[in-house]
Amino acid sequence: MKRFILLCLAAMLCASCGDELPDPALKLYAEIANPTAANTLSDRERKQGWQLLFDGRTADGWHGYNQQGMPDCWAIEDGCLTMNTIGGGESQDLITDSIYRNFAFTTEYRMSKAANSGIIFQLKEDTAYVYPYETGPEFQLIDHESWTEELQDWQIHGANYAMYPPAAKPYKPAGEWNRLLLLVEGNEVTQVINGVATVKYVKYSDEWNKLRNSGKWTKFPDWGKFDEGHVSLQNHGTKVLFRDIKIKKLNRQ
C-alpha cells in the first residue's frame, strides 16, 4: 500500500509531462518528492538509502577537479553551493570525492538570468584532462531563453549535452527553484526535471554510438568510455545555486 501511495504521488507530480517517467525513475522521484527542509534527510529517505552530499554549511565531500579542496570561484551562500562569478571556468568544476556506478542523484537548483551550468557524470579525474566534460556526459542546465547566441536543440535546458535534445521542457524560469533527478542504472540513463523525463537513452546502443561518433565528441577520444566516475557541478562562469544534493547507490546484478 505504501509503495502504491508513493507511485500515485509521483504520477500526480508529472501528470502534465510530455514524456512519461519509467517505473524506476517514477519510484525514485516519489522517494524525494515530499518537501523537507533543504540539505536534510527525512527518516524515510535515510531508510531508503539516500545519502546527503551537501550539509548546507561546508564543502565536505567535494573538491575542485584535479585540485585539493574547493576552488576560490565557488562559495557557500544561504545554504547553497554556488559560483561567486569571479574568475574560474569549466576547469574549475566542483566534483564529488567519491565515484559512482549505478545511482540516482538529485538536487534543487536556481539559475540567474542567462546562466549556464550542468551536471556531469561518469567523469574521470586525471591530470591528462583539463575539463571534466572531456570524459563524462552532461545533464545540461542553461537559461537558453535569455541566451544571446543561437543554440542547437541539444544545447538547451534538460538536454544530454551534444547528444540528446530534451523531449519535454518542464523547467521553471530563471530565478525559480527546479528539482532534477539523474538516474544511471547500467547503460540506461534517465534525466528528469520537476518530475518529467527530458532524456532517456541507452549507452552503447546503435543510436548512442552514432551520435557519439558524429558530433562534438569525436574530438574527445575518452568521452563516454567510463561507466563509473565522479559527479560534477559545472562552473561556466555564471551563477547557479545548488541545494538539497542527495545520492542513492543502486544495487544492480
Protein backbone atom coordinates (compact mmCIF):
# COMPACT_ATOMS: atom_id res chain seq x y z
CA MET A 1 0.00 0.00 0.00
CA LYS A 2 2.80 2.43 0.91
CA ARG A 3 4.54 1.84 -2.43
CA PHE A 4 1.23 2.38 -4.25
CA ILE A 5 0.71 5.72 -2.50
CA LEU A 6 4.24 6.86 -3.38
CA LEU A 7 3.79 5.94 -7.02
CA CYS A 8 0.46 7.77 -7.15
CA LEU A 9 2.11 10.85 -5.67
CA ALA A 10 4.84 10.84 -8.28
CA ALA A 11 2.30 10.24 -11.04
CA MET A 12 0.37 13.32 -9.97
CA LEU A 13 3.56 15.35 -9.95
CA CYS A 14 4.22 14.51 -13.59
CA ALA A 15 0.63 14.30 -14.80
CA SER A 16 1.22 17.03 -17.37
CA CYS A 17 4.56 15.68 -18.55
CA GLY A 18 5.47 15.30 -22.19
CA ASP A 19 7.46 12.15 -21.59
CA GLU A 20 6.26 9.54 -19.10
CA LEU A 21 8.68 8.55 -16.38
CA PRO A 22 9.83 4.93 -16.50
CA ASP A 23 8.94 2.95 -13.37
CA PRO A 24 12.40 3.10 -11.67
CA ALA A 25 12.62 6.89 -12.06
CA LEU A 26 8.99 7.28 -11.00
CA LYS A 27 9.63 5.39 -7.78
CA LEU A 28 12.84 7.27 -7.03
CA TYR A 29 11.26 10.64 -7.67
CA ALA A 30 8.44 9.72 -5.31
CA GLU A 31 11.01 8.98 -2.60
CA ILE A 32 12.32 12.55 -2.67
CA ALA A 33 9.12 14.34 -3.74
CA ASN A 34 7.80 15.18 -0.27
CA PRO A 35 9.12 18.59 0.79
CA THR A 36 11.58 18.58 3.69
CA ALA A 37 13.98 21.20 4.97
CA ALA A 38 16.73 21.71 2.41
CA ASN A 39 20.02 19.89 3.00
CA THR A 40 18.48 17.33 5.30
CA LEU A 41 17.38 13.71 5.02
CA SER A 42 13.99 12.57 6.19
CA ASP A 43 13.82 9.31 8.12
CA ARG A 44 12.13 7.75 5.10
CA GLU A 45 14.86 8.90 2.71
CA ARG A 46 17.53 7.58 5.06
CA LYS A 47 15.83 4.18 5.28
CA GLN A 48 15.55 4.05 1.51
CA GLY A 49 19.28 4.56 1.09
CA TRP A 50 19.60 8.23 0.21
CA GLN A 51 22.78 9.99 1.31
CA LEU A 52 23.26 13.73 1.77
CA LEU A 53 26.04 15.16 -0.41
CA PHE A 54 25.90 18.72 0.96
CA ASP A 55 25.15 19.81 4.52
CA GLY A 56 24.49 23.46 3.64
CA ARG A 57 27.49 24.70 5.63
CA THR A 58 30.68 23.06 4.35
CA ALA A 59 32.07 21.62 1.12
CA ASP A 60 32.80 18.28 2.78
CA GLY A 61 32.62 15.53 0.16
CA TRP A 62 33.54 17.85 -2.71
CA HIS A 63 36.70 19.22 -4.28
CA GLY A 64 37.81 21.03 -7.40
CA TYR A 65 38.61 18.96 -10.47
CA ASN A 66 42.27 17.91 -10.25
CA GLN A 67 42.57 20.08 -7.14
CA GLN A 68 42.58 19.90 -3.37
CA GLY A 69 39.60 21.47 -1.60
CA MET A 70 37.05 23.90 -3.01
CA PRO A 71 38.25 26.38 -5.67
CA ASP A 72 38.06 30.08 -4.80
CA CYS A 73 35.46 30.64 -7.51
CA TRP A 74 32.96 28.57 -5.51
CA ALA A 75 31.16 29.71 -2.37
CA ILE A 76 28.53 28.61 0.13
CA GLU A 77 25.72 31.15 0.29
CA ASP A 78 22.41 30.80 2.16
CA GLY A 79 22.76 27.03 2.38
CA CYS A 80 23.68 26.66 -1.30
CA LEU A 81 26.77 25.71 -3.27
CA THR A 82 27.26 28.38 -5.90
CA MET A 83 29.74 30.12 -8.13
CA ASN A 84 30.85 33.54 -6.94
CA THR A 85 31.21 34.54 -10.64
CA ILE A 86 34.71 35.88 -10.03
CA GLY A 87 37.22 34.02 -12.17
CA GLY A 88 37.12 30.32 -12.72
CA GLY A 89 35.69 28.40 -15.62
CA GLU A 90 34.98 24.89 -16.79
CA SER A 91 38.32 23.68 -15.43
CA GLN A 92 37.05 24.79 -12.01
CA ASP A 93 34.16 22.35 -11.71
CA LEU A 94 33.30 21.01 -8.28
CA ILE A 95 33.24 17.20 -8.15
CA THR A 96 32.30 14.55 -5.60
CA ASP A 97 35.09 12.93 -3.63
CA SER A 98 33.51 9.52 -4.29
CA ILE A 99 32.87 7.76 -7.57
CA TYR A 100 29.58 6.13 -8.50
CA ARG A 101 28.45 3.50 -10.97
CA ASN A 102 24.72 2.80 -10.53
CA PHE A 103 22.99 5.64 -8.76
CA ALA A 104 20.24 8.22 -8.52
CA PHE A 105 21.35 11.82 -7.99
CA THR A 106 19.09 14.74 -7.16
CA THR A 107 19.44 18.42 -6.40
CA GLU A 108 17.42 21.59 -6.36
CA TYR A 109 18.89 24.37 -8.48
CA ARG A 110 18.13 28.00 -9.30
CA MET A 111 19.68 29.85 -12.21
CA SER A 112 20.39 33.54 -12.61
CA LYS A 113 19.49 35.16 -15.91
CA ALA A 114 21.48 33.71 -18.85
CA ALA A 115 23.22 31.25 -16.54
CA ASN A 116 24.89 28.13 -17.92
CA SER A 117 25.87 25.03 -15.96
CA GLY A 118 25.24 21.31 -15.85
CA ILE A 119 25.64 18.03 -14.02
CA ILE A 120 28.50 15.97 -15.48
CA PHE A 121 28.69 12.32 -14.51
CA GLN A 122 30.76 9.18 -15.15
CA LEU A 123 33.72 11.54 -15.39
CA LYS A 124 37.34 10.59 -14.91
CA GLU A 125 39.57 12.73 -12.70
CA ASP A 126 43.07 12.69 -14.17
CA THR A 127 45.63 15.35 -14.98
CA ALA A 128 45.57 14.04 -18.54
CA TYR A 129 42.36 16.06 -18.86
CA VAL A 130 41.73 19.77 -18.32
CA TYR A 131 37.94 19.65 -18.21
CA PRO A 132 35.50 17.11 -16.73
CA TYR A 133 33.41 17.29 -19.90
CA GLU A 134 36.25 15.63 -21.82
CA THR A 135 35.23 12.29 -20.30
CA GLY A 136 31.68 12.45 -18.90
CA PRO A 137 28.22 13.19 -20.29
CA GLU A 138 26.35 16.29 -19.16
CA PHE A 139 22.82 16.97 -17.97
CA GLN A 140 22.53 20.46 -19.44
CA LEU A 141 21.27 23.35 -17.30
CA ILE A 142 21.02 26.69 -19.08
CA ASP A 143 18.74 29.71 -19.24
CA HIS A 144 18.59 29.42 -23.02
CA GLU A 145 15.61 31.78 -23.16
CA SER A 146 17.95 34.63 -22.17
CA TRP A 147 20.94 33.31 -24.12
CA THR A 148 22.11 35.81 -26.73
CA GLU A 149 23.56 33.26 -29.17
CA GLU A 150 21.71 30.71 -31.27
CA LEU A 151 21.73 27.26 -29.70
CA GLN A 152 21.26 23.78 -31.11
CA ASP A 153 18.42 21.68 -29.70
CA TRP A 154 20.98 19.51 -27.88
CA GLN A 155 22.23 22.60 -26.02
CA ILE A 156 19.01 23.70 -24.36
CA HIS A 157 17.85 23.14 -20.79
CA GLY A 158 17.32 19.47 -19.96
CA ALA A 159 19.34 18.09 -22.87
CA ASN A 160 22.06 15.48 -22.68
CA TYR A 161 24.61 17.94 -23.99
CA ALA A 162 25.78 17.43 -27.59
CA MET A 163 23.83 14.16 -27.73
CA TYR A 164 20.10 14.15 -26.99
CA PRO A 165 17.74 17.17 -27.07
CA PRO A 166 15.09 17.27 -24.34
CA ALA A 167 11.81 15.51 -25.13
CA ALA A 168 9.96 17.89 -22.79
CA LYS A 169 10.56 21.33 -21.30
CA PRO A 170 9.26 21.20 -17.70
CA TYR A 171 11.74 23.66 -16.23
CA LYS A 172 10.80 26.84 -14.40
CA PRO A 173 12.32 30.16 -15.50
CA ALA A 174 15.47 31.76 -14.14
CA GLY A 175 15.06 32.86 -10.54
CA GLU A 176 12.81 29.93 -9.58
CA TRP A 177 13.78 26.62 -7.98
CA ASN A 178 13.76 23.41 -10.00
CA ARG A 179 14.49 19.85 -8.96
CA LEU A 180 16.35 17.39 -11.15
CA LEU A 181 16.85 13.66 -10.87
CA LEU A 182 19.57 11.78 -12.73
CA LEU A 183 19.21 8.01 -12.88
CA VAL A 184 22.13 5.88 -14.09
CA GLU A 185 21.39 2.17 -13.97
CA GLY A 186 23.75 0.07 -16.04
CA ASN A 187 23.65 1.50 -19.56
CA GLU A 188 20.23 3.07 -19.05
CA VAL A 189 20.19 6.79 -18.25
CA THR A 190 17.17 8.95 -17.45
CA GLN A 191 17.22 12.71 -16.87
CA VAL A 192 14.28 14.24 -15.01
CA ILE A 193 13.29 17.84 -14.24
CA ASN A 194 10.37 18.59 -11.92
CA GLY A 195 9.00 15.06 -12.25
CA VAL A 196 9.21 14.93 -16.07
CA ALA A 197 11.67 12.86 -18.09
CA THR A 198 13.55 15.09 -20.51
CA VAL A 199 16.02 12.49 -21.82
CA LYS A 200 16.16 8.69 -21.81
CA TYR A 201 18.89 6.76 -23.58
CA VAL A 202 20.82 3.52 -23.61
CA LYS A 203 24.58 3.89 -23.59
CA TYR A 204 26.42 1.93 -26.31
CA SER A 205 23.21 1.43 -28.29
CA ASP A 206 23.38 1.91 -32.07
CA GLU A 207 21.76 5.32 -31.67
CA TRP A 208 24.15 6.36 -28.91
CA ASN A 209 27.20 5.22 -30.89
CA LYS A 210 26.03 7.09 -33.97
CA LEU A 211 25.55 10.33 -32.06
CA ARG A 212 28.78 9.92 -30.12
CA ASN A 213 30.81 9.31 -33.28
CA SER A 214 29.32 12.01 -35.50
CA GLY A 215 29.45 15.20 -33.45
CA LYS A 216 31.43 17.17 -30.92
CA TRP A 217 32.77 14.15 -29.06
CA THR A 218 34.85 12.90 -31.99
CA LYS A 219 37.43 15.42 -30.76
CA PHE A 220 37.48 13.80 -27.31
CA PRO A 221 38.52 10.14 -27.64
CA ASP A 222 37.84 9.28 -23.98
CA TRP A 223 34.38 10.84 -23.81
CA GLY A 224 31.76 8.32 -22.70
CA LYS A 225 34.19 5.44 -22.20
CA PHE A 226 33.88 5.32 -18.40
CA ASP A 227 30.96 3.54 -16.75
CA GLU A 228 31.68 4.90 -13.29
CA GLY A 229 33.11 8.15 -12.06
CA HIS A 230 32.63 11.35 -10.13
CA VAL A 231 29.63 13.65 -10.39
CA SER A 232 30.33 17.30 -11.16
CA LEU A 233 28.61 20.64 -10.67
CA GLN A 234 29.80 22.59 -13.67
CA ASN A 235 31.20 26.10 -13.35
CA HIS A 236 30.59 28.02 -16.56
CA GLY A 237 31.37 31.45 -15.11
CA THR A 238 27.72 32.25 -14.37
CA LYS A 239 25.76 31.97 -11.15
CA VAL A 240 23.66 28.89 -10.33
CA LEU A 241 22.66 27.84 -6.83
CA PHE A 242 22.54 24.17 -5.79
CA ARG A 243 20.99 22.83 -2.59
CA ASP A 244 19.47 19.63 -1.19
CA ILE A 245 22.00 17.50 -3.05
CA LYS A 246 21.47 13.77 -2.48
CA ILE A 247 22.53 10.48 -3.98
CA LYS A 248 21.37 6.89 -3.71
CA LYS A 249 23.59 3.99 -4.72
CA LEU A 250 21.69 1.31 -6.60
CA ASN A 251 22.32 -2.41 -6.47
CA ARG A 252 22.49 -3.96 -9.90
CA GLN A 253 23.48 -7.51 -10.76
